[in-house]
Each structure stands twice: as structure tokens, then as C-alpha cells.
Amino acid sequence: MSALTTHVLDLALGAPARGVAVKLELLRDGAWTTLAERVTDDDGRVKDLLPEGARPALGTHRLTFDVAGYFQRLGMMTFYTEVPVVFVIRDDQRHHHVPLLVSPFGYSTYRGS
């Protein structure tokens, strides 16, 4: 499993959000550099944001979740088009998990384990 993972749960359906496009970026010299683009699996997870054994870079990262595309496929309207989650990695030896709880009209996130 990657040293950086994410998990998306659909609070409106009470189920994992499968098929959500997720982009991982790193802030370098004032500009965002794309490190990975993935899609959540049937359990709403992305387990391979980084290659197996790779450590995350220290610094500011951004995960951007395409929630508009996800809800559109379900035939649901949504207020948010995307959810950007910006966070800082200060210890590259720890596993970092960034879950997203989403509904058509709200979201929350936290530092997972």
C-alpha cells in the first residue's frame, strides 16, 4: 500500500464513493506539480497514490476530488464541483491517510490513520 492513501464515502447513499477522480499535487516553488491521477475503487479507496515503497515528499500537497463527475454519473445535482484538500507532510516516515466524506451539498475531511 502507498504511504499516502485516501478514501471517499458518500454520506447521502451511506456507501463508498466509487469512480471519483482524484489528483495528487505537490507545491514546489509556488506552483502545483501533478504527482498522480487516480480513480477510487469499488470500496471508495485509492491505495496507490505513490509507488510501492516510495516516501511522500515533505511539504504542501493537494488532493482534488472531482465530486461533480461522481454525482453526475449518479444522476444527482451537487453544489460543489470539486473538493480541494490541502495539507502538509512534515514526517515522511509516517503513513498519511486523507479521507473525504461527501454529499451533494457538503463535505468534511480529517487526518485519518
PDB file of N, CA and C in Angstrom:
ATOM      1  N   MET A   1       0.839  -1.174   0.000  1.00  0.00           N
ATOM      2  CA  MET A   1       0.000   0.000   0.000  1.00  0.00           C
ATOM      3  C   MET A   1       0.888   1.243   0.000  1.00  0.00           C
ATOM      4  N   SER A   2       0.423   2.276  -0.642  1.00  0.00           N
ATOM      5  CA  SER A   2       1.121   3.548  -0.732  1.00  0.00           C
ATOM      6  C   SER A   2       1.261   4.193   0.646  1.00  0.00           C
ATOM      7  N   ALA A   3       2.277   5.025   0.819  1.00  0.00           N
ATOM      8  CA  ALA A   3       2.470   5.764   2.069  1.00  0.00           C
ATOM      9  C   ALA A   3       1.487   6.917   2.189  1.00  0.00           C
ATOM     10  N   LEU A   4       0.735   7.187   1.121  1.00  0.00           N
ATOM     11  CA  LEU A   4      -0.309   8.217   1.116  1.00  0.00           C
ATOM     12  C   LEU A   4      -1.543   7.614   0.468  1.00  0.00           C
ATOM     13  N   THR A   5      -2.649   7.597   1.191  1.00  0.00           N
ATOM     14  CA  THR A   5      -3.886   6.998   0.682  1.00  0.00           C
ATOM     15  C   THR A   5      -5.059   7.919   0.942  1.00  0.00           C
ATOM     16  N   THR A   6      -6.175   7.615   0.272  1.00  0.00           N
ATOM     17  CA  THR A   6      -7.406   8.356   0.508  1.00  0.00           C
ATOM     18  C   THR A   6      -8.588   7.408   0.403  1.00  0.00           C
ATOM     19  N   HIS A   7      -9.715   7.870   0.915  1.00  0.00           N
ATOM     20  CA  HIS A   7     -10.938   7.074   0.957  1.00  0.00           C
ATOM     21  C   HIS A   7     -12.098   8.058   0.855  1.00  0.00           C
ATOM     22  N   VAL A   8     -13.045   7.809  -0.035  1.00  0.00           N
ATOM     23  CA  VAL A   8     -14.195   8.703  -0.201  1.00  0.00           C
ATOM     24  C   VAL A   8     -15.459   7.936   0.151  1.00  0.00           C
ATOM     25  N   LEU A   9     -16.229   8.498   1.078  1.00  0.00           N
ATOM     26  CA  LEU A   9     -17.507   7.916   1.472  1.00  0.00           C
ATOM     27  C   LEU A   9     -18.632   8.865   1.101  1.00  0.00           C
ATOM     28  N   ASP A  10     -19.666   8.338   0.475  1.00  0.00           N
ATOM     29  CA  ASP A  10     -20.843   9.109   0.069  1.00  0.00           C
ATOM     30  C   ASP A  10     -21.840   9.066   1.223  1.00  0.00           C
ATOM     31  N   LEU A  11     -21.986  10.182   1.916  1.00  0.00           N
ATOM     32  CA  LEU A  11     -22.879  10.243   3.071  1.00  0.00           C
ATOM     33  C   LEU A  11     -24.345  10.190   2.670  1.00  0.00           C
ATOM     34  N   ALA A  12     -24.672  10.649   1.470  1.00  0.00           N
ATOM     35  CA  ALA A  12     -26.071  10.629   1.007  1.00  0.00           C
ATOM     36  C   ALA A  12     -26.542   9.204   0.760  1.00  0.00           C
ATOM     37  N   LEU A  13     -25.653   8.366   0.256  1.00  0.00           N
ATOM     38  CA  LEU A  13     -26.003   6.973  -0.038  1.00  0.00           C
ATOM     39  C   LEU A  13     -25.597   6.011   1.071  1.00  0.00           C
ATOM     40  N   GLY A  14     -24.734   6.480   1.977  1.00  0.00           N
ATOM     41  CA  GLY A  14     -24.232   5.605   3.017  1.00  0.00           C
ATOM     42  C   GLY A  14     -23.372   4.493   2.464  1.00  0.00           C
ATOM     43  N   ALA A  15     -22.538   4.834   1.471  1.00  0.00           N
ATOM     44  CA  ALA A  15     -21.745   3.819   0.773  1.00  0.00           C
ATOM     45  C   ALA A  15     -20.423   4.429   0.307  1.00  0.00           C
ATOM     46  N   PRO A  16     -19.452   3.578  -0.013  1.00  0.00           N
ATOM     47  CA  PRO A  16     -18.216   4.083  -0.610  1.00  0.00           C
ATOM     48  C   PRO A  16     -18.524   4.789  -1.937  1.00  0.00           C
ATOM     49  N   ALA A  17     -17.775   5.826  -2.228  1.00  0.00           N
ATOM     50  CA  ALA A  17     -17.938   6.570  -3.482  1.00  0.00           C
ATOM     51  C   ALA A  17     -16.961   6.008  -4.506  1.00  0.00           C
ATOM     52  N   ARG A  18     -17.443   5.114  -5.349  1.00  0.00           N
ATOM     53  CA  ARG A  18     -16.570   4.507  -6.360  1.00  0.00           C
ATOM     54  C   ARG A  18     -16.554   5.374  -7.611  1.00  0.00           C
ATOM     55  N   GLY A  19     -15.397   5.397  -8.258  1.00  0.00           N
ATOM     56  CA  GLY A  19     -15.266   6.117  -9.522  1.00  0.00           C
ATOM     57  C   GLY A  19     -15.014   7.601  -9.400  1.00  0.00           C
ATOM     58  N   VAL A  20     -14.566   8.078  -8.233  1.00  0.00           N
ATOM     59  CA  VAL A  20     -14.257   9.500  -8.069  1.00  0.00           C
ATOM     60  C   VAL A  20     -12.825   9.743  -8.559  1.00  0.00           C
ATOM     61  N   ALA A  21     -12.668  10.670  -9.483  1.00  0.00           N
ATOM     62  CA  ALA A  21     -11.336  11.045  -9.966  1.00  0.00           C
ATOM     63  C   ALA A  21     -10.639  11.865  -8.880  1.00  0.00           C
ATOM     64  N   VAL A  22      -9.372  11.506  -8.611  1.00  0.00           N
ATOM     65  CA  VAL A  22      -8.574  12.154  -7.569  1.00  0.00           C
ATOM     66  C   VAL A  22      -7.226  12.533  -8.160  1.00  0.00           C
ATOM     67  N   LYS A  23      -6.817  13.786  -7.907  1.00  0.00           N
ATOM     68  CA  LYS A  23      -5.499  14.238  -8.375  1.00  0.00           C
ATOM     69  C   LYS A  23      -4.651  14.623  -7.167  1.00  0.00           C
ATOM     70  N   LEU A  24      -3.410  14.141  -7.128  1.00  0.00           N
ATOM     71  CA  LEU A  24      -2.448  14.490  -6.080  1.00  0.00           C
ATOM     72  C   LEU A  24      -1.428  15.447  -6.671  1.00  0.00           C
ATOM     73  N   GLU A  25      -1.209  16.558  -5.962  1.00  0.00           N
ATOM     74  CA  GLU A  25      -0.230  17.552  -6.402  1.00  0.00           C
ATOM     75  C   GLU A  25       0.677  17.953  -5.248  1.00  0.00           C
ATOM     76  N   LEU A  26       1.849  18.449  -5.591  1.00  0.00           N
ATOM     77  CA  LEU A  26       2.835  18.941  -4.635  1.00  0.00           C
ATOM     78  C   LEU A  26       3.157  20.391  -4.996  1.00  0.00           C
ATOM     79  N   LEU A  27       3.201  21.253  -3.987  1.00  0.00           N
ATOM     80  CA  LEU A  27       3.545  22.655  -4.209  1.00  0.00           C
ATOM     81  C   LEU A  27       5.064  22.806  -4.196  1.00  0.00           C
ATOM     82  N   ARG A  28       5.596  23.248  -5.336  1.00  0.00           N
ATOM     83  CA  ARG A  28       7.039  23.461  -5.472  1.00  0.00           C
ATOM     84  C   ARG A  28       7.280  24.821  -6.101  1.00  0.00           C
ATOM     85  N   ASP A  29       8.051  25.650  -5.416  1.00  0.00           N
ATOM     86  CA  ASP A  29       8.403  26.978  -5.939  1.00  0.00           C
ATOM     87  C   ASP A  29       7.172  27.771  -6.365  1.00  0.00           C
ATOM     88  N   GLY A  30       6.100  27.685  -5.577  1.00  0.00           N
ATOM     89  CA  GLY A  30       4.900  28.462  -5.832  1.00  0.00           C
ATOM     90  C   GLY A  30       3.967  27.908  -6.890  1.00  0.00           C
ATOM     91  N   ALA A  31       4.265  26.735  -7.444  1.00  0.00           N
ATOM     92  CA  ALA A  31       3.415  26.139  -8.481  1.00  0.00           C
ATOM     93  C   ALA A  31       3.096  24.689  -8.113  1.00  0.00           C
ATOM     94  N   TRP A  32       1.907  24.249  -8.505  1.00  0.00           N
ATOM     95  CA  TRP A  32       1.484  22.872  -8.241  1.00  0.00           C
ATOM     96  C   TRP A  32       2.014  21.937  -9.333  1.00  0.00           C
ATOM     97  N   THR A  33       2.598  20.835  -8.896  1.00  0.00           N
ATOM     98  CA  THR A  33       3.089  19.793  -9.791  1.00  0.00           C
ATOM     99  C   THR A  33       2.254  18.539  -9.565  1.00  0.00           C
ATOM    100  N   THR A  34       1.686  17.994 -10.631  1.00  0.00           N
ATOM    101  CA  THR A  34       0.870  16.782 -10.507  1.00  0.00           C
ATOM    102  C   THR A  34       1.771  15.574 -10.287  1.00  0.00           C
ATOM    103  N   LEU A  35       1.466  14.816  -9.222  1.00  0.00           N
ATOM    104  CA  LEU A  35       2.216  13.601  -8.907  1.00  0.00           C
ATOM    105  C   LEU A  35       1.465  12.346  -9.331  1.00  0.00           C
ATOM    106  N   ALA A  36       0.132  12.392  -9.274  1.00  0.00           N
ATOM    107  CA  ALA A  36      -0.666  11.204  -9.612  1.00  0.00           C
ATOM    108  C   ALA A  36      -2.094  11.611  -9.909  1.00  0.00           C
ATOM    109  N   GLU A  37      -2.739  10.830 -10.760  1.00  0.00           N
ATOM    110  CA  GLU A  37      -4.169  10.957 -11.023  1.00  0.00           C
ATOM    111  C   GLU A  37      -4.746   9.553 -10.982  1.00  0.00           C
ATOM    112  N   ARG A  38      -5.712   9.356 -10.115  1.00  0.00           N
ATOM    113  CA  ARG A  38      -6.295   8.035  -9.910  1.00  0.00           C
ATOM    114  C   ARG A  38      -7.813   8.148  -9.822  1.00  0.00           C
ATOM    115  N   VAL A  39      -8.469   6.987  -9.714  1.00  0.00           N
ATOM    116  CA  VAL A  39      -9.921   6.902  -9.547  1.00  0.00           C
ATOM    117  C   VAL A  39     -10.185   5.960  -8.380  1.00  0.00           C
ATOM    118  N   THR A  40     -11.137   6.313  -7.528  1.00  0.00           N
ATOM    119  CA  THR A  40     -11.434   5.454  -6.383  1.00  0.00           C
ATOM    120  C   THR A  40     -11.971   4.109  -6.849  1.00  0.00           C
ATOM    121  N   ASP A  41     -11.614   3.055  -6.099  1.00  0.00           N
ATOM    122  CA  ASP A  41     -12.037   1.694  -6.429  1.00  0.00           C
ATOM    123  C   ASP A  41     -13.451   1.420  -5.900  1.00  0.00           C
ATOM    124  N   ASP A  42     -13.890   0.186  -5.960  1.00  0.00           N
ATOM    125  CA  ASP A  42     -15.253  -0.173  -5.531  1.00  0.00           C
ATOM    126  C   ASP A  42     -15.492   0.090  -4.052  1.00  0.00           C
ATOM    127  N   ASP A  43     -14.418   0.176  -3.265  1.00  0.00           N
ATOM    128  CA  ASP A  43     -14.536   0.471  -1.842  1.00  0.00           C
ATOM    129  C   ASP A  43     -14.316   1.954  -1.562  1.00  0.00           C
ATOM    130  N   GLY A  44     -14.262   2.787  -2.624  1.00  0.00           N
ATOM    131  CA  GLY A  44     -14.065   4.220  -2.468  1.00  0.00           C
ATOM    132  C   GLY A  44     -12.646   4.616  -2.115  1.00  0.00           C
ATOM    133  N   ARG A  45     -11.697   3.712  -2.313  1.00  0.00           N
ATOM    134  CA  ARG A  45     -10.316   3.952  -1.891  1.00  0.00           C
ATOM    135  C   ARG A  45      -9.363   4.143  -3.071  1.00  0.00           C
ATOM    136  N   VAL A  46      -8.313   4.902  -2.802  1.00  0.00           N
ATOM    137  CA  VAL A  46      -7.158   4.971  -3.697  1.00  0.00           C
ATOM    138  C   VAL A  46      -5.969   4.541  -2.853  1.00  0.00           C
ATOM    139  N   LYS A  47      -5.411   3.395  -3.192  1.00  0.00           N
ATOM    140  CA  LYS A  47      -4.323   2.811  -2.400  1.00  0.00           C
ATOM    141  C   LYS A  47      -2.952   3.005  -3.018  1.00  0.00           C
ATOM    142  N   ASP A  48      -2.909   3.587  -4.237  1.00  0.00           N
ATOM    143  CA  ASP A  48      -1.625   3.679  -4.940  1.00  0.00           C
ATOM    144  C   ASP A  48      -1.314   5.090  -5.429  1.00  0.00           C
ATOM    145  N   LEU A  49      -1.514   6.087  -4.565  1.00  0.00           N
ATOM    146  CA  LEU A  49      -1.172   7.455  -4.958  1.00  0.00           C
ATOM    147  C   LEU A  49       0.334   7.608  -5.168  1.00  0.00           C
ATOM    148  N   LEU A  50       1.110   6.863  -4.411  1.00  0.00           N
ATOM    149  CA  LEU A  50       2.561   6.840  -4.574  1.00  0.00           C
ATOM    150  C   LEU A  50       2.976   5.422  -4.924  1.00  0.00           C
ATOM    151  N   PRO A  51       4.079   5.257  -5.628  1.00  0.00           N
ATOM    152  CA  PRO A  51       4.558   3.907  -5.921  1.00  0.00           C
ATOM    153  C   PRO A  51       4.871   3.140  -4.628  1.00  0.00           C
ATOM    154  N   GLU A  52       4.715   1.839  -4.671  1.00  0.00           N
ATOM    155  CA  GLU A  52       5.005   0.989  -3.515  1.00  0.00           C
ATOM    156  C   GLU A  52       6.420   1.257  -3.016  1.00  0.00           C
ATOM    157  N   GLY A  53       6.544   1.523  -1.712  1.00  0.00           N
ATOM    158  CA  GLY A  53       7.846   1.772  -1.100  1.00  0.00           C
ATOM    159  C   GLY A  53       8.312   3.210  -1.158  1.00  0.00           C
ATOM    160  N   ALA A  54       7.674   4.049  -1.967  1.00  0.00           N
ATOM    161  CA  ALA A  54       8.082   5.452  -2.076  1.00  0.00           C
ATOM    162  C   ALA A  54       7.592   6.236  -0.858  1.00  0.00           C
ATOM    163  N   ARG A  55       8.398   7.168  -0.406  1.00  0.00           N
ATOM    164  CA  ARG A  55       8.030   8.026   0.709  1.00  0.00           C
ATOM    165  C   ARG A  55       7.474   9.332   0.139  1.00  0.00           C
ATOM    166  N   PRO A  56       6.489   9.935   0.795  1.00  0.00           N
ATOM    167  CA  PRO A  56       5.963  11.204   0.292  1.00  0.00           C
ATOM    168  C   PRO A  56       6.976  12.326   0.489  1.00  0.00           C
ATOM    169  N   ALA A  57       6.954  13.265  -0.412  1.00  0.00           N
ATOM    170  CA  ALA A  57       7.826  14.429  -0.284  1.00  0.00           C
ATOM    171  C   ALA A  57       7.356  15.275   0.896  1.00  0.00           C
ATOM    172  N   LEU A  58       8.296  15.883   1.590  1.00  0.00           N
ATOM    173  CA  LEU A  58       7.928  16.830   2.632  1.00  0.00           C
ATOM    174  C   LEU A  58       7.372  18.074   1.959  1.00  0.00           C
ATOM    175  N   GLY A  59       6.399  18.713   2.592  1.00  0.00           N
ATOM    176  CA  GLY A  59       5.856  19.949   2.055  1.00  0.00           C
ATOM    177  C   GLY A  59       4.357  19.910   1.871  1.00  0.00           C
ATOM    178  N   THR A  60       3.857  20.883   1.153  1.00  0.00           N
ATOM    179  CA  THR A  60       2.428  21.089   0.960  1.00  0.00           C
ATOM    180  C   THR A  60       1.917  20.286  -0.233  1.00  0.00           C
ATOM    181  N   HIS A  61       0.870  19.533   0.017  1.00  0.00           N
ATOM    182  CA  HIS A  61       0.231  18.692  -1.001  1.00  0.00           C
ATOM    183  C   HIS A  61      -1.229  19.104  -1.164  1.00  0.00           C
ATOM    184  N   ARG A  62      -1.789  18.732  -2.301  1.00  0.00           N
ATOM    185  CA  ARG A  62      -3.216  18.962  -2.535  1.00  0.00           C
ATOM    186  C   ARG A  62      -3.818  17.733  -3.193  1.00  0.00           C
ATOM    187  N   LEU A  63      -4.906  17.247  -2.612  1.00  0.00           N
ATOM    188  CA  LEU A  63      -5.739  16.224  -3.236  1.00  0.00           C
ATOM    189  C   LEU A  63      -6.985  16.935  -3.741  1.00  0.00           C
ATOM    190  N   THR A  64      -7.315  16.758  -5.008  1.00  0.00           N
ATOM    191  CA  THR A  64      -8.514  17.370  -5.580  1.00  0.00           C
ATOM    192  C   THR A  64      -9.439  16.246  -6.039  1.00  0.00           C
ATOM    193  N   PHE A  65     -10.667  16.277  -5.532  1.00  0.00           N
ATOM    194  CA  PHE A  65     -11.665  15.245  -5.796  1.00  0.00           C
ATOM    195  C   PHE A  65     -12.716  15.798  -6.752  1.00  0.00           C
ATOM    196  N   ASP A  66     -12.962  15.119  -7.856  1.00  0.00           N
ATOM    197  CA  ASP A  66     -13.970  15.523  -8.842  1.00  0.00           C
ATOM    198  C   ASP A  66     -15.342  15.009  -8.398  1.00  0.00           C
ATOM    199  N   VAL A  67     -15.990  15.761  -7.510  1.00  0.00           N
ATOM    200  CA  VAL A  67     -17.287  15.311  -6.996  1.00  0.00           C
ATOM    201  C   VAL A  67     -18.413  15.582  -7.985  1.00  0.00           C
ATOM    202  N   ALA A  68     -18.266  16.590  -8.840  1.00  0.00           N
ATOM    203  CA  ALA A  68     -19.306  16.865  -9.840  1.00  0.00           C
ATOM    204  C   ALA A  68     -19.464  15.686 -10.789  1.00  0.00           C
ATOM    205  N   GLY A  69     -18.352  15.149 -11.264  1.00  0.00           N
ATOM    206  CA  GLY A  69     -18.404  13.993 -12.166  1.00  0.00           C
ATOM    207  C   GLY A  69     -19.024  12.786 -11.497  1.00  0.00           C
ATOM    208  N   TYR A  70     -18.684  12.583 -10.229  1.00  0.00           N
ATOM    209  CA  TYR A  70     -19.231  11.457  -9.473  1.00  0.00           C
ATOM    210  C   TYR A  70     -20.750  11.580  -9.344  1.00  0.00           C
ATOM    211  N   PHE A  71     -21.226  12.719  -8.865  1.00  0.00           N
ATOM    212  CA  PHE A  71     -22.673  12.879  -8.666  1.00  0.00           C
ATOM    213  C   PHE A  71     -23.432  12.922  -9.992  1.00  0.00           C
ATOM    214  N   GLN A  72     -22.819  13.459 -11.027  1.00  0.00           N
ATOM    215  CA  GLN A  72     -23.459  13.473 -12.347  1.00  0.00           C
ATOM    216  C   GLN A  72     -23.726  12.046 -12.832  1.00  0.00           C
ATOM    217  N   ARG A  73     -22.758  11.155 -12.639  1.00  0.00           N
ATOM    218  CA  ARG A  73     -22.949   9.762 -13.032  1.00  0.00           C
ATOM    219  C   ARG A  73     -24.098   9.101 -12.259  1.00  0.00           C
ATOM    220  N   LEU A  74     -24.363   9.585 -11.059  1.00  0.00           N
ATOM    221  CA  LEU A  74     -25.464   9.055 -10.254  1.00  0.00           C
ATOM    222  C   LEU A  74     -26.795   9.742 -10.560  1.00  0.00           C
ATOM    223  N   GLY A  75     -26.761  10.749 -11.445  1.00  0.00           N
ATOM    224  CA  GLY A  75     -27.969  11.490 -11.780  1.00  0.00           C
ATOM    225  C   GLY A  75     -28.391  12.453 -10.683  1.00  0.00           C
ATOM    226  N   MET A  76     -27.427  12.903  -9.885  1.00  0.00           N
ATOM    227  CA  MET A  76     -27.708  13.808  -8.767  1.00  0.00           C
ATOM    228  C   MET A  76     -27.064  15.170  -9.016  1.00  0.00           C
ATOM    229  N   MET A  77     -27.776  16.221  -8.631  1.00  0.00           N
ATOM    230  CA  MET A  77     -27.193  17.559  -8.682  1.00  0.00           C
ATOM    231  C   MET A  77     -26.292  17.734  -7.456  1.00  0.00           C
ATOM    232  N   THR A  78     -25.259  18.566  -7.604  1.00  0.00           N
ATOM    233  CA  THR A  78     -24.375  18.867  -6.488  1.00  0.00           C
ATOM    234  C   THR A  78     -24.018  20.341  -6.489  1.00  0.00           C
ATOM    235  N   PHE A  79     -23.807  20.882  -5.323  1.00  0.00           N
ATOM    236  CA  PHE A  79     -23.411  22.276  -5.185  1.00  0.00           C
ATOM    237  C   PHE A  79     -21.923  22.452  -5.500  1.00  0.00           C
ATOM    238  N   TYR A  80     -21.121  21.492  -5.092  1.00  0.00           N
ATOM    239  CA  TYR A  80     -19.674  21.576  -5.276  1.00  0.00           C
ATOM    240  C   TYR A  80     -19.255  20.840  -6.545  1.00  0.00           C
ATOM    241  N   THR A  81     -18.319  21.417  -7.277  1.00  0.00           N
ATOM    242  CA  THR A  81     -17.802  20.746  -8.469  1.00  0.00           C
ATOM    243  C   THR A  81     -16.572  19.917  -8.143  1.00  0.00           C
ATOM    244  N   GLU A  82     -15.742  20.441  -7.250  1.00  0.00           N
ATOM    245  CA  GLU A  82     -14.576  19.708  -6.812  1.00  0.00           C
ATOM    246  C   GLU A  82     -14.272  20.062  -5.362  1.00  0.00           C
ATOM    247  N   VAL A  83     -13.543  19.161  -4.710  1.00  0.00           N
ATOM    248  CA  VAL A  83     -13.142  19.388  -3.325  1.00  0.00           C
ATOM    249  C   VAL A  83     -11.622  19.340  -3.266  1.00  0.00           C
ATOM    250  N   PRO A  84     -10.977  20.498  -3.053  1.00  0.00           N
ATOM    251  CA  PRO A  84      -9.531  20.502  -2.877  1.00  0.00           C
ATOM    252  C   PRO A  84      -9.194  20.383  -1.389  1.00  0.00           C
ATOM    253  N   VAL A  85      -8.299  19.475  -1.067  1.00  0.00           N
ATOM    254  CA  VAL A  85      -7.855  19.303   0.316  1.00  0.00           C
ATOM    255  C   VAL A  85      -6.348  19.538   0.327  1.00  0.00           C
ATOM    256  N   VAL A  86      -5.938  20.608   0.993  1.00  0.00           N
ATOM    257  CA  VAL A  86      -4.530  20.992   1.042  1.00  0.00           C
ATOM    258  C   VAL A  86      -3.993  20.639   2.429  1.00  0.00           C
ATOM    259  N   PHE A  87      -2.850  19.958   2.461  1.00  0.00           N
ATOM    260  CA  PHE A  87      -2.288  19.512   3.733  1.00  0.00           C
ATOM    261  C   PHE A  87      -0.763  19.502   3.644  1.00  0.00           C
ATOM    262  N   VAL A  88      -0.127  19.449   4.803  1.00  0.00           N
ATOM    263  CA  VAL A  88       1.338  19.488   4.867  1.00  0.00           C
ATOM    264  C   VAL A  88       1.868  18.174   5.424  1.00  0.00           C
ATOM    265  N   ILE A  89       2.839  17.607   4.732  1.00  0.00           N
ATOM    266  CA  ILE A  89       3.538  16.422   5.224  1.00  0.00           C
ATOM    267  C   ILE A  89       4.849  16.889   5.840  1.00  0.00           C
ATOM    268  N   ARG A  90       4.959  16.641   7.141  1.00  0.00           N
ATOM    269  CA  ARG A  90       6.156  17.047   7.881  1.00  0.00           C
ATOM    270  C   ARG A  90       7.028  15.854   8.283  1.00  0.00           C
ATOM    271  N   ASP A  91       6.460  14.653   8.178  1.00  0.00           N
ATOM    272  CA  ASP A  91       7.175  13.435   8.559  1.00  0.00           C
ATOM    273  C   ASP A  91       6.962  12.406   7.459  1.00  0.00           C
ATOM    274  N   ASP A  92       7.981  12.180   6.650  1.00  0.00           N
ATOM    275  CA  ASP A  92       7.833  11.273   5.510  1.00  0.00           C
ATOM    276  C   ASP A  92       7.925   9.797   5.898  1.00  0.00           C
ATOM    277  N   GLN A  93       8.134   9.516   7.185  1.00  0.00           N
ATOM    278  CA  GLN A  93       8.204   8.127   7.645  1.00  0.00           C
ATOM    279  C   GLN A  93       6.846   7.594   8.118  1.00  0.00           C
ATOM    280  N   ARG A  94       5.864   8.467   8.239  1.00  0.00           N
ATOM    281  CA  ARG A  94       4.530   8.062   8.681  1.00  0.00           C
ATOM    282  C   ARG A  94       3.622   7.818   7.481  1.00  0.00           C
ATOM    283  N   HIS A  95       2.631   6.971   7.677  1.00  0.00           N
ATOM    284  CA  HIS A  95       1.587   6.785   6.673  1.00  0.00           C
ATOM    285  C   HIS A  95       0.619   7.958   6.792  1.00  0.00           C
ATOM    286  N   HIS A  96       0.182   8.487   5.668  1.00  0.00           N
ATOM    287  CA  HIS A  96      -0.772   9.597   5.654  1.00  0.00           C
ATOM    288  C   HIS A  96      -2.032   9.137   4.934  1.00  0.00           C
ATOM    289  N   HIS A  97      -3.166   9.263   5.624  1.00  0.00           N
ATOM    290  CA  HIS A  97      -4.459   8.873   5.058  1.00  0.00           C
ATOM    291  C   HIS A  97      -5.376  10.082   5.142  1.00  0.00           C
ATOM    292  N   VAL A  98      -5.976  10.454   4.004  1.00  0.00           N
ATOM    293  CA  VAL A  98      -6.820  11.647   3.927  1.00  0.00           C
ATOM    294  C   VAL A  98      -8.212  11.232   3.446  1.00  0.00           C
ATOM    295  N   PRO A  99      -9.135  10.936   4.358  1.00  0.00           N
ATOM    296  CA  PRO A  99     -10.487  10.558   3.974  1.00  0.00           C
ATOM    297  C   PRO A  99     -11.330  11.787   3.615  1.00  0.00           C
ATOM    298  N   LEU A 100     -12.314  11.561   2.748  1.00  0.00           N
ATOM    299  CA  LEU A 100     -13.282  12.593   2.391  1.00  0.00           C
ATOM    300  C   LEU A 100     -14.678  12.009   2.570  1.00  0.00           C
ATOM    301  N   LEU A 101     -15.497  12.721   3.329  1.00  0.00           N
ATOM    302  CA  LEU A 101     -16.909  12.383   3.477  1.00  0.00           C
ATOM    303  C   LEU A 101     -17.664  13.403   2.644  1.00  0.00           C
ATOM    304  N   VAL A 102     -18.507  12.940   1.717  1.00  0.00           N
ATOM    305  CA  VAL A 102     -19.110  13.858   0.759  1.00  0.00           C
ATOM    306  C   VAL A 102     -20.600  13.587   0.593  1.00  0.00           C
ATOM    307  N   SER A 103     -21.323  14.650   0.338  1.00  0.00           N
ATOM    308  CA  SER A 103     -22.730  14.576  -0.050  1.00  0.00           C
ATOM    309  C   SER A 103     -22.919  15.651  -1.116  1.00  0.00           C
ATOM    310  N   PRO A 104     -24.073  15.706  -1.775  1.00  0.00           N
ATOM    311  CA  PRO A 104     -24.238  16.714  -2.823  1.00  0.00           C
ATOM    312  C   PRO A 104     -24.119  18.163  -2.333  1.00  0.00           C
ATOM    313  N   PHE A 105     -24.307  18.399  -1.039  1.00  0.00           N
ATOM    314  CA  PHE A 105     -24.313  19.774  -0.552  1.00  0.00           C
ATOM    315  C   PHE A 105     -23.386  20.005   0.632  1.00  0.00           C
ATOM    316  N   GLY A 106     -22.423  19.122   0.820  1.00  0.00           N
ATOM    317  CA  GLY A 106     -21.457  19.320   1.890  1.00  0.00           C
ATOM    318  C   GLY A 106     -20.366  18.278   1.851  1.00  0.00           C
ATOM    319  N   TYR A 107     -19.301  18.547   2.598  1.00  0.00           N
ATOM    320  CA  TYR A 107     -18.204  17.588   2.711  1.00  0.00           C
ATOM    321  C   TYR A 107     -17.407  17.878   3.975  1.00  0.00           C
ATOM    322  N   SER A 108     -16.667  16.877   4.427  1.00  0.00           N
ATOM    323  CA  SER A 108     -15.697  17.076   5.507  1.00  0.00           C
ATOM    324  C   SER A 108     -14.542  16.121   5.285  1.00  0.00           C
ATOM    325  N   THR A 109     -13.445  16.434   5.921  1.00  0.00           N
ATOM    326  CA  THR A 109     -12.236  15.631   5.800  1.00  0.00           C
ATOM    327  C   THR A 109     -11.499  15.678   7.128  1.00  0.00           C
ATOM    328  N   TYR A 110     -10.579  14.776   7.310  1.00  0.00           N
ATOM    329  CA  TYR A 110      -9.807  14.716   8.546  1.00  0.00           C
ATOM    330  C   TYR A 110      -8.530  13.941   8.300  1.00  0.00           C
ATOM    331  N   ARG A 111      -7.620  14.010   9.249  1.00  0.00           N
ATOM    332  CA  ARG A 111      -6.367  13.243   9.176  1.00  0.00           C
ATOM    333  C   ARG A 111      -6.658  11.847   9.669  1.00  0.00           C
ATOM    334  N   GLY A 112      -6.702  10.893   8.764  1.00  0.00           N
ATOM    335  CA  GLY A 112      -7.016   9.524   9.117  1.00  0.00           C
ATOM    336  C   GLY A 112      -5.786   8.749   9.562  1.00  0.00           C
ATOM    337  N   SER A 113      -5.964   7.462   9.745  1.00  0.00           N
ATOM    338  CA  SER A 113      -4.845   6.627  10.183  1.00  0.00           C
ATOM    339  C   SER A 113      -4.636   5.464   9.212  1.00  0.00           C
TER     340      SER A 113
END
